[in-house]
Amino acid sequence: MDAATMPWSVGIRFSHAALQALADDHGVDLLHIKGPAVDDSLGGATRQSIDADVLVRPSHVERLIAAMHEHGWRTQYRFEDGSAFEHASTLVHPFLAPVDVHRRFPGIDGESAAAFERLWVDRSNTDLAGMPCAVPSLAAQRLVLIVHATRAGDLNHPDIQRSWRDATDDERRSVTDLAGEIGAGLALAAGTGTLHEHVGERGYDLWRVLSTGESSRAQLWMARIRAAPTRRAGVRTAVRLVVPNRHRMETTLGRPPTRGEVAAAYAHSARRGAREVTRMLGSAVRTRRRP
């Protein structure tokens, strides 16, 4: 049996277990998040995932990835190849399901090491493929699920229903308090209908755009730039969202892209960006003209 024939849900659980074994052997602190790691009260038993997700203590990330490489894993996408948040690296294995190794979680804006430590101290264990795996507290699981659904632009997602709307007052208070401690208050507000209370805060525009799921690429591009903590980070984000990613192209093509293919990707990106900006400016003009 290999990754192509193993039931996907089984492969994901084995991936979680394998990573926990590597973590134990190499002194790595990691928390298993989403998918089968979620508590049954939040739908964990019925969740469908495409990969295994772990959140790693930032100072242990390189150690974990090196150990994974030694045990048959291959990096498919680096941190900088993923989303503008550069939060996760995807690794694949010939016999197991893919893994997303998170060095931070989008929406948790507190200092990464401190945020992880706060989640780590309240961890518990759950059994995945016969291996005791460290998972965040129930309040932290609720928060992660809400923020993840919000980032996907689905405010009607069952995760938000179970984790927030169906929660008791005490459970919601625990989530809110934790969000305040680790810098996830803005993302939580976006997912729970109180984002209007944060107008003017850095990141407000980004979570307003993300939570609607209906904004243009240009609007999202601008919101991500404005949400950057520094001007330098904003410039880097702007460039990353426009310039074609050669590594992703190589992974998709199965070979290094030619100069012509890279040039074509640049041209396509420029045309698409120009169309989006034109639409955005036209929309702004029409809005101003309305009585």
Foldseek 3Di string as FASTA:
>chain_A
DAPVPPDQLLQQLVVLQVLVVLCVVQVWDKAWADACSADVLLPNVPDDDQHTEIETQLVCVVVSVVSVVVVAKDWQAQLLRDDLVSFWTWIDGGGGGIYTYGPAAPLQPADSNQLVVVQRVQWDFDARPNHTGTHGDNLVNLLSLLLVCQLQQHLPDSSCCSSPVPDDPVSNVSNCVSCVVRVNNCSNCLSVVNLVVVPPDQLSQLSVCRNNNPADPLSNLVSVLSNDPDNVSSVVSNCSSQQDDQSNVCSVVVHGDDPVVNVVSNVVSVVSNVVNVVVVVVVVVVVVPDD
